[in-house]
Amino acid sequence: MPEIVMYTTAMCPYCVRAKMLLQRKGMNWEEKRIDLDHGLMSEMLQRSKRRTVPQIFIGDHHVGGYDDMAELDAMGQLDPMLGLVAAGMPGDTPHTRDSSEDAPT
């Protein structure tokens, strides 16, 4: 499993949502509270070039904030990054059955 680092603050609803998403996937992460250690704010700015929280890193990859991570999840790209499933080919999308596939031929 890749290392996950999340920069957060105490009063941040998007931070809560990001943690809930990772928790649902059974992941562990390192939380860095920039409101408790202002040196971490400088670290976050240097790594992400962004001032908002959360800022999420999976391994060396900067995911961005909660909305960015949720979008990756919706597109089926988050689980491979987390090591939960094998990465597919670019452009692969999960196949879902529709009622036309149930009709006899």
PDB file of N, CA and C in Angstrom:
ATOM      1  N   MET A   1       0.834  -1.182   0.000  1.00  0.00           N
ATOM      2  CA  MET A   1       0.000   0.000   0.000  1.00  0.00           C
ATOM      3  C   MET A   1       0.882   1.249   0.000  1.00  0.00           C
ATOM      4  N   PRO A   2       0.516   2.226  -0.800  1.00  0.00           N
ATOM      5  CA  PRO A   2       1.295   3.458  -0.831  1.00  0.00           C
ATOM      6  C   PRO A   2       1.059   4.291   0.432  1.00  0.00           C
ATOM      7  N   GLU A   3       2.033   5.130   0.736  1.00  0.00           N
ATOM      8  CA  GLU A   3       1.883   6.051   1.859  1.00  0.00           C
ATOM      9  C   GLU A   3       0.919   7.160   1.460  1.00  0.00           C
ATOM     10  N   ILE A   4      -0.010   7.480   2.353  1.00  0.00           N
ATOM     11  CA  ILE A   4      -0.963   8.558   2.113  1.00  0.00           C
ATOM     12  C   ILE A   4      -0.710   9.631   3.161  1.00  0.00           C
ATOM     13  N   VAL A   5      -0.547  10.861   2.699  1.00  0.00           N
ATOM     14  CA  VAL A   5      -0.350  12.006   3.586  1.00  0.00           C
ATOM     15  C   VAL A   5      -1.444  13.014   3.274  1.00  0.00           C
ATOM     16  N   MET A   6      -2.101  13.502   4.342  1.00  0.00           N
ATOM     17  CA  MET A   6      -3.157  14.483   4.174  1.00  0.00           C
ATOM     18  C   MET A   6      -2.894  15.671   5.094  1.00  0.00           C
ATOM     19  N   TYR A   7      -2.799  16.852   4.490  1.00  0.00           N
ATOM     20  CA  TYR A   7      -2.662  18.097   5.248  1.00  0.00           C
ATOM     21  C   TYR A   7      -4.069  18.598   5.556  1.00  0.00           C
ATOM     22  N   THR A   8      -4.343  18.883   6.837  1.00  0.00           N
ATOM     23  CA  THR A   8      -5.694  19.236   7.270  1.00  0.00           C
ATOM     24  C   THR A   8      -5.666  20.365   8.296  1.00  0.00           C
ATOM     25  N   THR A   9      -6.878  20.801   8.649  1.00  0.00           N
ATOM     26  CA  THR A   9      -7.096  21.667   9.809  1.00  0.00           C
ATOM     27  C   THR A   9      -8.273  21.092  10.591  1.00  0.00           C
ATOM     28  N   ALA A  10      -8.496  21.620  11.802  1.00  0.00           N
ATOM     29  CA  ALA A  10      -9.560  21.099  12.659  1.00  0.00           C
ATOM     30  C   ALA A  10     -10.952  21.380  12.085  1.00  0.00           C
ATOM     31  N   MET A  11     -11.171  22.578  11.588  1.00  0.00           N
ATOM     32  CA  MET A  11     -12.502  22.992  11.126  1.00  0.00           C
ATOM     33  C   MET A  11     -12.571  22.953   9.602  1.00  0.00           C
ATOM     34  N   CYS A  12     -12.622  21.759   9.063  1.00  0.00           N
ATOM     35  CA  CYS A  12     -12.546  21.601   7.608  1.00  0.00           C
ATOM     36  C   CYS A  12     -13.470  20.467   7.175  1.00  0.00           C
ATOM     37  N   PRO A  13     -14.672  20.787   6.677  1.00  0.00           N
ATOM     38  CA  PRO A  13     -15.590  19.717   6.276  1.00  0.00           C
ATOM     39  C   PRO A  13     -15.066  18.863   5.126  1.00  0.00           C
ATOM     40  N   TYR A  14     -14.279  19.453   4.231  1.00  0.00           N
ATOM     41  CA  TYR A  14     -13.728  18.662   3.129  1.00  0.00           C
ATOM     42  C   TYR A  14     -12.664  17.686   3.630  1.00  0.00           C
ATOM     43  N   CYS A  15     -11.959  18.067   4.694  1.00  0.00           N
ATOM     44  CA  CYS A  15     -10.996  17.150   5.306  1.00  0.00           C
ATOM     45  C   CYS A  15     -11.732  15.943   5.881  1.00  0.00           C
ATOM     46  N   VAL A  16     -12.854  16.201   6.537  1.00  0.00           N
ATOM     47  CA  VAL A  16     -13.667  15.117   7.105  1.00  0.00           C
ATOM     48  C   VAL A  16     -14.139  14.186   5.995  1.00  0.00           C
ATOM     49  N   ARG A  17     -14.615  14.749   4.901  1.00  0.00           N
ATOM     50  CA  ARG A  17     -15.082  13.922   3.779  1.00  0.00           C
ATOM     51  C   ARG A  17     -13.950  13.087   3.186  1.00  0.00           C
ATOM     52  N   ALA A  18     -12.778  13.692   3.053  1.00  0.00           N
ATOM     53  CA  ALA A  18     -11.630  12.955   2.506  1.00  0.00           C
ATOM     54  C   ALA A  18     -11.263  11.786   3.416  1.00  0.00           C
ATOM     55  N   LYS A  19     -11.261  12.028   4.718  1.00  0.00           N
ATOM     56  CA  LYS A  19     -10.933  10.954   5.665  1.00  0.00           C
ATOM     57  C   LYS A  19     -11.988   9.862   5.620  1.00  0.00           C
ATOM     58  N   MET A  20     -13.262  10.251   5.481  1.00  0.00           N
ATOM     59  CA  MET A  20     -14.333   9.246   5.400  1.00  0.00           C
ATOM     60  C   MET A  20     -14.180   8.383   4.149  1.00  0.00           C
ATOM     61  N   LEU A  21     -13.824   8.988   3.029  1.00  0.00           N
ATOM     62  CA  LEU A  21     -13.635   8.227   1.794  1.00  0.00           C
ATOM     63  C   LEU A  21     -12.499   7.225   1.940  1.00  0.00           C
ATOM     64  N   LEU A  22     -11.374   7.677   2.489  1.00  0.00           N
ATOM     65  CA  LEU A  22     -10.243   6.768   2.678  1.00  0.00           C
ATOM     66  C   LEU A  22     -10.572   5.683   3.707  1.00  0.00           C
ATOM     67  N   GLN A  23     -11.313   6.050   4.743  1.00  0.00           N
ATOM     68  CA  GLN A  23     -11.695   5.068   5.761  1.00  0.00           C
ATOM     69  C   GLN A  23     -12.597   3.988   5.165  1.00  0.00           C
ATOM     70  N   ARG A  24     -13.563   4.391   4.304  1.00  0.00           N
ATOM     71  CA  ARG A  24     -14.439   3.412   3.644  1.00  0.00           C
ATOM     72  C   ARG A  24     -13.638   2.424   2.814  1.00  0.00           C
ATOM     73  N   LYS A  25     -12.503   2.851   2.301  1.00  0.00           N
ATOM     74  CA  LYS A  25     -11.659   1.983   1.483  1.00  0.00           C
ATOM     75  C   LYS A  25     -10.656   1.199   2.323  1.00  0.00           C
ATOM     76  N   GLY A  26     -10.713   1.381   3.654  1.00  0.00           N
ATOM     77  CA  GLY A  26      -9.842   0.625   4.543  1.00  0.00           C
ATOM     78  C   GLY A  26      -8.408   1.119   4.567  1.00  0.00           C
ATOM     79  N   MET A  27      -8.212   2.379   4.223  1.00  0.00           N
ATOM     80  CA  MET A  27      -6.860   2.918   4.132  1.00  0.00           C
ATOM     81  C   MET A  27      -6.451   3.619   5.424  1.00  0.00           C
ATOM     82  N   ASN A  28      -5.149   3.662   5.650  1.00  0.00           N
ATOM     83  CA  ASN A  28      -4.555   4.435   6.735  1.00  0.00           C
ATOM     84  C   ASN A  28      -3.808   5.599   6.114  1.00  0.00           C
ATOM     85  N   TRP A  29      -3.677   6.687   6.854  1.00  0.00           N
ATOM     86  CA  TRP A  29      -2.990   7.852   6.333  1.00  0.00           C
ATOM     87  C   TRP A  29      -2.321   8.586   7.471  1.00  0.00           C
ATOM     88  N   GLU A  30      -1.357   9.424   7.103  1.00  0.00           N
ATOM     89  CA  GLU A  30      -0.705  10.312   8.045  1.00  0.00           C
ATOM     90  C   GLU A  30      -1.378  11.667   7.912  1.00  0.00           C
ATOM     91  N   GLU A  31      -1.905  12.167   9.020  1.00  0.00           N
ATOM     92  CA  GLU A  31      -2.563  13.464   9.014  1.00  0.00           C
ATOM     93  C   GLU A  31      -1.601  14.512   9.543  1.00  0.00           C
ATOM     94  N   LYS A  32      -1.429  15.577   8.786  1.00  0.00           N
ATOM     95  CA  LYS A  32      -0.561  16.678   9.194  1.00  0.00           C
ATOM     96  C   LYS A  32      -1.433  17.912   9.388  1.00  0.00           C
ATOM     97  N   ARG A  33      -1.615  18.302  10.641  1.00  0.00           N
ATOM     98  CA  ARG A  33      -2.483  19.422  10.996  1.00  0.00           C
ATOM     99  C   ARG A  33      -1.724  20.736  10.881  1.00  0.00           C
ATOM    100  N   ILE A  34      -2.006  21.489   9.832  1.00  0.00           N
ATOM    101  CA  ILE A  34      -1.288  22.736   9.609  1.00  0.00           C
ATOM    102  C   ILE A  34      -1.718  23.839  10.574  1.00  0.00           C
ATOM    103  N   ASP A  35      -2.878  23.671  11.235  1.00  0.00           N
ATOM    104  CA  ASP A  35      -3.312  24.670  12.208  1.00  0.00           C
ATOM    105  C   ASP A  35      -2.595  24.512  13.541  1.00  0.00           C
ATOM    106  N   LEU A  36      -1.987  23.358  13.768  1.00  0.00           N
ATOM    107  CA  LEU A  36      -1.250  23.116  15.010  1.00  0.00           C
ATOM    108  C   LEU A  36       0.249  23.334  14.852  1.00  0.00           C
ATOM    109  N   ASP A  37       0.736  23.236  13.631  1.00  0.00           N
ATOM    110  CA  ASP A  37       2.171  23.376  13.358  1.00  0.00           C
ATOM    111  C   ASP A  37       2.326  24.203  12.080  1.00  0.00           C
ATOM    112  N   HIS A  38       2.635  25.462  12.241  1.00  0.00           N
ATOM    113  CA  HIS A  38       2.701  26.353  11.085  1.00  0.00           C
ATOM    114  C   HIS A  38       3.857  26.013  10.140  1.00  0.00           C
ATOM    115  N   GLY A  39       4.845  25.278  10.614  1.00  0.00           N
ATOM    116  CA  GLY A  39       5.895  24.787   9.726  1.00  0.00           C
ATOM    117  C   GLY A  39       5.334  23.831   8.692  1.00  0.00           C
ATOM    118  N   LEU A  40       4.267  23.108   9.064  1.00  0.00           N
ATOM    119  CA  LEU A  40       3.623  22.196   8.120  1.00  0.00           C
ATOM    120  C   LEU A  40       2.903  22.949   7.008  1.00  0.00           C
ATOM    121  N   MET A  41       2.452  24.176   7.308  1.00  0.00           N
ATOM    122  CA  MET A  41       1.825  25.001   6.267  1.00  0.00           C
ATOM    123  C   MET A  41       2.837  25.301   5.170  1.00  0.00           C
ATOM    124  N   SER A  42       4.057  25.653   5.561  1.00  0.00           N
ATOM    125  CA  SER A  42       5.113  25.915   4.575  1.00  0.00           C
ATOM    126  C   SER A  42       5.433  24.654   3.780  1.00  0.00           C
ATOM    127  N   GLU A  43       5.486  23.528   4.480  1.00  0.00           N
ATOM    128  CA  GLU A  43       5.747  22.247   3.812  1.00  0.00           C
ATOM    129  C   GLU A  43       4.656  21.947   2.790  1.00  0.00           C
ATOM    130  N   MET A  44       3.384  22.141   3.186  1.00  0.00           N
ATOM    131  CA  MET A  44       2.265  21.887   2.287  1.00  0.00           C
ATOM    132  C   MET A  44       2.328  22.797   1.062  1.00  0.00           C
ATOM    133  N   LEU A  45       2.597  24.083   1.277  1.00  0.00           N
ATOM    134  CA  LEU A  45       2.701  25.024   0.162  1.00  0.00           C
ATOM    135  C   LEU A  45       3.806  24.634  -0.805  1.00  0.00           C
ATOM    136  N   GLN A  46       4.934  24.212  -0.258  1.00  0.00           N
ATOM    137  CA  GLN A  46       6.063  23.812  -1.105  1.00  0.00           C
ATOM    138  C   GLN A  46       5.712  22.567  -1.917  1.00  0.00           C
ATOM    139  N   ARG A  47       5.060  21.594  -1.283  1.00  0.00           N
ATOM    140  CA  ARG A  47       4.745  20.343  -1.971  1.00  0.00           C
ATOM    141  C   ARG A  47       3.598  20.475  -2.967  1.00  0.00           C
ATOM    142  N   SER A  48       2.559  21.226  -2.588  1.00  0.00           N
ATOM    143  CA  SER A  48       1.337  21.235  -3.396  1.00  0.00           C
ATOM    144  C   SER A  48       1.146  22.493  -4.232  1.00  0.00           C
ATOM    145  N   LYS A  49       1.805  23.572  -3.842  1.00  0.00           N
ATOM    146  CA  LYS A  49       1.601  24.878  -4.486  1.00  0.00           C
ATOM    147  C   LYS A  49       0.168  25.377  -4.291  1.00  0.00           C
ATOM    148  N   ARG A  50      -0.514  24.871  -3.264  1.00  0.00           N
ATOM    149  CA  ARG A  50      -1.892  25.270  -2.951  1.00  0.00           C
ATOM    150  C   ARG A  50      -1.989  25.668  -1.483  1.00  0.00           C
ATOM    151  N   ARG A  51      -2.976  26.525  -1.187  1.00  0.00           N
ATOM    152  CA  ARG A  51      -3.162  27.039   0.170  1.00  0.00           C
ATOM    153  C   ARG A  51      -4.369  26.445   0.883  1.00  0.00           C
ATOM    154  N   THR A  52      -5.184  25.675   0.194  1.00  0.00           N
ATOM    155  CA  THR A  52      -6.406  25.147   0.794  1.00  0.00           C
ATOM    156  C   THR A  52      -6.185  23.740   1.331  1.00  0.00           C
ATOM    157  N   VAL A  53      -7.033  23.341   2.260  1.00  0.00           N
ATOM    158  CA  VAL A  53      -6.994  21.987   2.798  1.00  0.00           C
ATOM    159  C   VAL A  53      -8.314  21.293   2.483  1.00  0.00           C
ATOM    160  N   PRO A  54      -8.281  19.979   2.364  1.00  0.00           N
ATOM    161  CA  PRO A  54      -7.105  19.134   2.518  1.00  0.00           C
ATOM    162  C   PRO A  54      -6.240  19.160   1.257  1.00  0.00           C
ATOM    163  N   GLN A  55      -4.984  18.818   1.448  1.00  0.00           N
ATOM    164  CA  GLN A  55      -4.086  18.512   0.330  1.00  0.00           C
ATOM    165  C   GLN A  55      -3.651  17.071   0.560  1.00  0.00           C
ATOM    166  N   ILE A  56      -3.874  16.230  -0.436  1.00  0.00           N
ATOM    167  CA  ILE A  56      -3.708  14.785  -0.288  1.00  0.00           C
ATOM    168  C   ILE A  56      -2.620  14.307  -1.237  1.00  0.00           C
ATOM    169  N   PHE A  57      -1.730  13.498  -0.693  1.00  0.00           N
ATOM    170  CA  PHE A  57      -0.664  12.870  -1.470  1.00  0.00           C
ATOM    171  C   PHE A  57      -0.782  11.368  -1.316  1.00  0.00           C
ATOM    172  N   ILE A  58      -0.720  10.650  -2.416  1.00  0.00           N
ATOM    173  CA  ILE A  58      -0.671   9.189  -2.406  1.00  0.00           C
ATOM    174  C   ILE A  58       0.672   8.828  -3.009  1.00  0.00           C
ATOM    175  N   GLY A  59       1.548   8.297  -2.162  1.00  0.00           N
ATOM    176  CA  GLY A  59       2.924   8.101  -2.591  1.00  0.00           C
ATOM    177  C   GLY A  59       3.503   9.466  -2.927  1.00  0.00           C
ATOM    178  N   ASP A  60       4.144   9.594  -4.068  1.00  0.00           N
ATOM    179  CA  ASP A  60       4.702  10.869  -4.506  1.00  0.00           C
ATOM    180  C   ASP A  60       3.715  11.685  -5.337  1.00  0.00           C
ATOM    181  N   HIS A  61       2.525  11.131  -5.576  1.00  0.00           N
ATOM    182  CA  HIS A  61       1.534  11.789  -6.438  1.00  0.00           C
ATOM    183  C   HIS A  61       0.677  12.757  -5.630  1.00  0.00           C
ATOM    184  N   HIS A  62       0.627  14.013  -6.071  1.00  0.00           N
ATOM    185  CA  HIS A  62      -0.252  15.006  -5.454  1.00  0.00           C
ATOM    186  C   HIS A  62      -1.641  14.850  -6.049  1.00  0.00           C
ATOM    187  N   VAL A  63      -2.569  14.337  -5.253  1.00  0.00           N
ATOM    188  CA  VAL A  63      -3.943  14.138  -5.705  1.00  0.00           C
ATOM    189  C   VAL A  63      -4.675  15.471  -5.787  1.00  0.00           C
ATOM    190  N   GLY A  64      -4.445  16.335  -4.810  1.00  0.00           N
ATOM    191  CA  GLY A  64      -5.159  17.602  -4.718  1.00  0.00           C
ATOM    192  C   GLY A  64      -6.023  17.586  -3.472  1.00  0.00           C
ATOM    193  N   GLY A  65      -7.230  18.144  -3.584  1.00  0.00           N
ATOM    194  CA  GLY A  65      -8.149  18.196  -2.456  1.00  0.00           C
ATOM    195  C   GLY A  65      -9.177  17.082  -2.504  1.00  0.00           C
ATOM    196  N   TYR A  66     -10.194  17.223  -1.646  1.00  0.00           N
ATOM    197  CA  TYR A  66     -11.230  16.196  -1.589  1.00  0.00           C
ATOM    198  C   TYR A  66     -11.940  16.045  -2.929  1.00  0.00           C
ATOM    199  N   ASP A  67     -12.332  17.165  -3.552  1.00  0.00           N
ATOM    200  CA  ASP A  67     -13.050  17.076  -4.827  1.00  0.00           C
ATOM    201  C   ASP A  67     -12.238  16.329  -5.879  1.00  0.00           C
ATOM    202  N   ASP A  68     -10.932  16.567  -5.889  1.00  0.00           N
ATOM    203  CA  ASP A  68     -10.059  15.873  -6.844  1.00  0.00           C
ATOM    204  C   ASP A  68     -10.041  14.372  -6.566  1.00  0.00           C
ATOM    205  N   MET A  69      -9.941  14.010  -5.279  1.00  0.00           N
ATOM    206  CA  MET A  69      -9.911  12.592  -4.917  1.00  0.00           C
ATOM    207  C   MET A  69     -11.254  11.926  -5.207  1.00  0.00           C
ATOM    208  N   ALA A  70     -12.360  12.620  -4.928  1.00  0.00           N
ATOM    209  CA  ALA A  70     -13.688  12.063  -5.213  1.00  0.00           C
ATOM    210  C   ALA A  70     -13.884  11.858  -6.709  1.00  0.00           C
ATOM    211  N   GLU A  71     -13.363  12.766  -7.514  1.00  0.00           N
ATOM    212  CA  GLU A  71     -13.463  12.619  -8.967  1.00  0.00           C
ATOM    213  C   GLU A  71     -12.665  11.396  -9.443  1.00  0.00           C
ATOM    214  N   LEU A  72     -11.460  11.234  -8.900  1.00  0.00           N
ATOM    215  CA  LEU A  72     -10.672  10.039  -9.241  1.00  0.00           C
ATOM    216  C   LEU A  72     -11.430   8.773  -8.868  1.00  0.00           C
ATOM    217  N   ASP A  73     -12.090   8.797  -7.713  1.00  0.00           N
ATOM    218  CA  ASP A  73     -12.860   7.632  -7.268  1.00  0.00           C
ATOM    219  C   ASP A  73     -14.012   7.366  -8.228  1.00  0.00           C
ATOM    220  N   ALA A  74     -14.735   8.407  -8.611  1.00  0.00           N
ATOM    221  CA  ALA A  74     -15.871   8.248  -9.524  1.00  0.00           C
ATOM    222  C   ALA A  74     -15.430   7.714 -10.889  1.00  0.00           C
ATOM    223  N   MET A  75     -14.221   8.063 -11.303  1.00  0.00           N
ATOM    224  CA  MET A  75     -13.703   7.609 -12.600  1.00  0.00           C
ATOM    225  C   MET A  75     -13.026   6.240 -12.512  1.00  0.00           C
ATOM    226  N   GLY A  76     -13.009   5.651 -11.306  1.00  0.00           N
ATOM    227  CA  GLY A  76     -12.391   4.338 -11.146  1.00  0.00           C
ATOM    228  C   GLY A  76     -10.875   4.380 -11.108  1.00  0.00           C
ATOM    229  N   GLN A  77     -10.297   5.552 -10.870  1.00  0.00           N
ATOM    230  CA  GLN A  77      -8.844   5.685 -10.884  1.00  0.00           C
ATOM    231  C   GLN A  77      -8.223   5.724  -9.493  1.00  0.00           C
ATOM    232  N   LEU A  78      -9.042   5.887  -8.454  1.00  0.00           N
ATOM    233  CA  LEU A  78      -8.482   5.981  -7.109  1.00  0.00           C
ATOM    234  C   LEU A  78      -8.027   4.628  -6.581  1.00  0.00           C
ATOM    235  N   ASP A  79      -8.839   3.594  -6.752  1.00  0.00           N
ATOM    236  CA  ASP A  79      -8.479   2.274  -6.215  1.00  0.00           C
ATOM    237  C   ASP A  79      -7.135   1.768  -6.729  1.00  0.00           C
ATOM    238  N   PRO A  80      -6.837   1.901  -8.029  1.00  0.00           N
ATOM    239  CA  PRO A  80      -5.500   1.485  -8.482  1.00  0.00           C
ATOM    240  C   PRO A  80      -4.380   2.286  -7.828  1.00  0.00           C
ATOM    241  N   MET A  81      -4.608   3.582  -7.614  1.00  0.00           N
ATOM    242  CA  MET A  81      -3.584   4.408  -6.958  1.00  0.00           C
ATOM    243  C   MET A  81      -3.348   3.939  -5.524  1.00  0.00           C
ATOM    244  N   LEU A  82      -4.416   3.457  -4.892  1.00  0.00           N
ATOM    245  CA  LEU A  82      -4.324   2.986  -3.511  1.00  0.00           C
ATOM    246  C   LEU A  82      -3.823   1.554  -3.422  1.00  0.00           C
ATOM    247  N   GLY A  83      -3.649   0.905  -4.568  1.00  0.00           N
ATOM    248  CA  GLY A  83      -3.183  -0.481  -4.572  1.00  0.00           C
ATOM    249  C   GLY A  83      -4.290  -1.472  -4.261  1.00  0.00           C
ATOM    250  N   LEU A  84      -5.550  -1.049  -4.419  1.00  0.00           N
ATOM    251  CA  LEU A  84      -6.677  -1.927  -4.102  1.00  0.00           C
ATOM    252  C   LEU A  84      -7.063  -2.816  -5.273  1.00  0.00           C
ATOM    253  N   VAL A  85      -6.762  -2.384  -6.488  1.00  0.00           N
ATOM    254  CA  VAL A  85      -7.001  -3.190  -7.690  1.00  0.00           C
ATOM    255  C   VAL A  85      -5.854  -2.937  -8.647  1.00  0.00           C
ATOM    256  N   ALA A  86      -5.675  -3.846  -9.587  1.00  0.00           N
ATOM    257  CA  ALA A  86      -4.623  -3.658 -10.593  1.00  0.00           C
ATOM    258  C   ALA A  86      -4.994  -2.500 -11.497  1.00  0.00           C
ATOM    259  N   ALA A  87      -4.027  -1.725 -11.878  1.00  0.00           N
ATOM    260  CA  ALA A  87      -4.258  -0.598 -12.779  1.00  0.00           C
ATOM    261  C   ALA A  87      -4.595  -1.119 -14.164  1.00  0.00           C
ATOM    262  N   GLY A  88      -5.607  -0.533 -14.786  1.00  0.00           N
ATOM    263  CA  GLY A  88      -5.999  -0.915 -16.138  1.00  0.00           C
ATOM    264  C   GLY A  88      -5.264  -0.072 -17.164  1.00  0.00           C
ATOM    265  N   MET A  89      -5.612  -0.292 -18.392  1.00  0.00           N
ATOM    266  CA  MET A  89      -5.038   0.495 -19.469  1.00  0.00           C
ATOM    267  C   MET A  89      -5.709   1.867 -19.482  1.00  0.00           C
ATOM    268  N   PRO A  90      -4.999   2.905 -19.927  1.00  0.00           N
ATOM    269  CA  PRO A  90      -5.624   4.218 -20.023  1.00  0.00           C
ATOM    270  C   PRO A  90      -6.882   4.147 -20.878  1.00  0.00           C
ATOM    271  N   GLY A  91      -7.937   4.774 -20.393  1.00  0.00           N
ATOM    272  CA  GLY A  91      -9.197   4.761 -21.127  1.00  0.00           C
ATOM    273  C   GLY A  91     -10.096   3.601 -20.772  1.00  0.00           C
ATOM    274  N   ASP A  92      -9.595   2.617 -20.020  1.00  0.00           N
ATOM    275  CA  ASP A  92     -10.452   1.511 -19.595  1.00  0.00           C
ATOM    276  C   ASP A  92     -11.524   2.037 -18.654  1.00  0.00           C
ATOM    277  N   THR A  93     -12.731   1.560 -18.834  1.00  0.00           N
ATOM    278  CA  THR A  93     -13.807   1.889 -17.913  1.00  0.00           C
ATOM    279  C   THR A  93     -14.456   0.589 -17.487  1.00  0.00           C
ATOM    280  N   PRO A  94     -14.954   0.539 -16.265  1.00  0.00           N
ATOM    281  CA  PRO A  94     -15.614  -0.684 -15.824  1.00  0.00           C
ATOM    282  C   PRO A  94     -16.833  -0.964 -16.703  1.00  0.00           C
ATOM    283  N   HIS A  95     -17.064  -2.226 -17.010  1.00  0.00           N
ATOM    284  CA  HIS A  95     -18.204  -2.621 -17.826  1.00  0.00           C
ATOM    285  C   HIS A  95     -19.369  -2.946 -16.905  1.00  0.00           C
ATOM    286  N   THR A  96     -20.523  -2.373 -17.211  1.00  0.00           N
ATOM    287  CA  THR A  96     -21.731  -2.714 -16.473  1.00  0.00           C
ATOM    288  C   THR A  96     -22.715  -3.308 -17.454  1.00  0.00           C
ATOM    289  N   ARG A  97     -23.465  -4.275 -16.993  1.00  0.00           N
ATOM    290  CA  ARG A  97     -24.449  -4.938 -17.851  1.00  0.00           C
ATOM    291  C   ARG A  97     -25.683  -4.079 -17.963  1.00  0.00           C
ATOM    292  N   ASP A  98     -26.282  -4.077 -19.138  1.00  0.00           N
ATOM    293  CA  ASP A  98     -27.586  -3.445 -19.269  1.00  0.00           C
ATOM    294  C   ASP A  98     -28.583  -4.512 -19.703  1.00  0.00           C
ATOM    295  N   SER A  99     -29.846  -4.160 -19.738  1.00  0.00           N
ATOM    296  CA  SER A  99     -30.882  -5.153 -19.995  1.00  0.00           C
ATOM    297  C   SER A  99     -30.765  -5.795 -21.376  1.00  0.00           C
ATOM    298  N   SER A 100     -30.138  -5.118 -22.323  1.00  0.00           N
ATOM    299  CA  SER A 100     -30.006  -5.700 -23.663  1.00  0.00           C
ATOM    300  C   SER A 100     -29.086  -6.899 -23.655  1.00  0.00           C
ATOM    301  N   GLU A 101     -28.196  -6.994 -22.671  1.00  0.00           N
ATOM    302  CA  GLU A 101     -27.281  -8.135 -22.609  1.00  0.00           C
ATOM    303  C   GLU A 101     -27.983  -9.378 -22.056  1.00  0.00           C
ATOM    304  N   ASP A 102     -29.127  -9.196 -21.443  1.00  0.00           N
ATOM    305  CA  ASP A 102     -29.871 -10.332 -20.886  1.00  0.00           C
ATOM    306  C   ASP A 102     -30.793 -10.984 -21.924  1.00  0.00           C
ATOM    307  N   ALA A 103     -31.016 -10.309 -23.030  1.00  0.00           N
ATOM    308  CA  ALA A 103     -31.935 -10.828 -24.049  1.00  0.00           C
ATOM    309  C   ALA A 103     -31.283 -11.992 -24.792  1.00  0.00           C
ATOM    310  N   PRO A 104     -32.044 -13.066 -25.050  1.00  0.00           N
ATOM    311  CA  PRO A 104     -31.477 -14.184 -25.816  1.00  0.00           C
ATOM    312  C   PRO A 104     -31.202 -13.752 -27.254  1.00  0.00           C
ATOM    313  N   THR A 105     -30.193 -14.356 -27.840  1.00  0.00           N
ATOM    314  CA  THR A 105     -29.835 -14.020 -29.214  1.00  0.00           C
ATOM    315  C   THR A 105     -30.247 -15.107 -30.173  1.00  0.00           C
TER     316      THR A 105
END
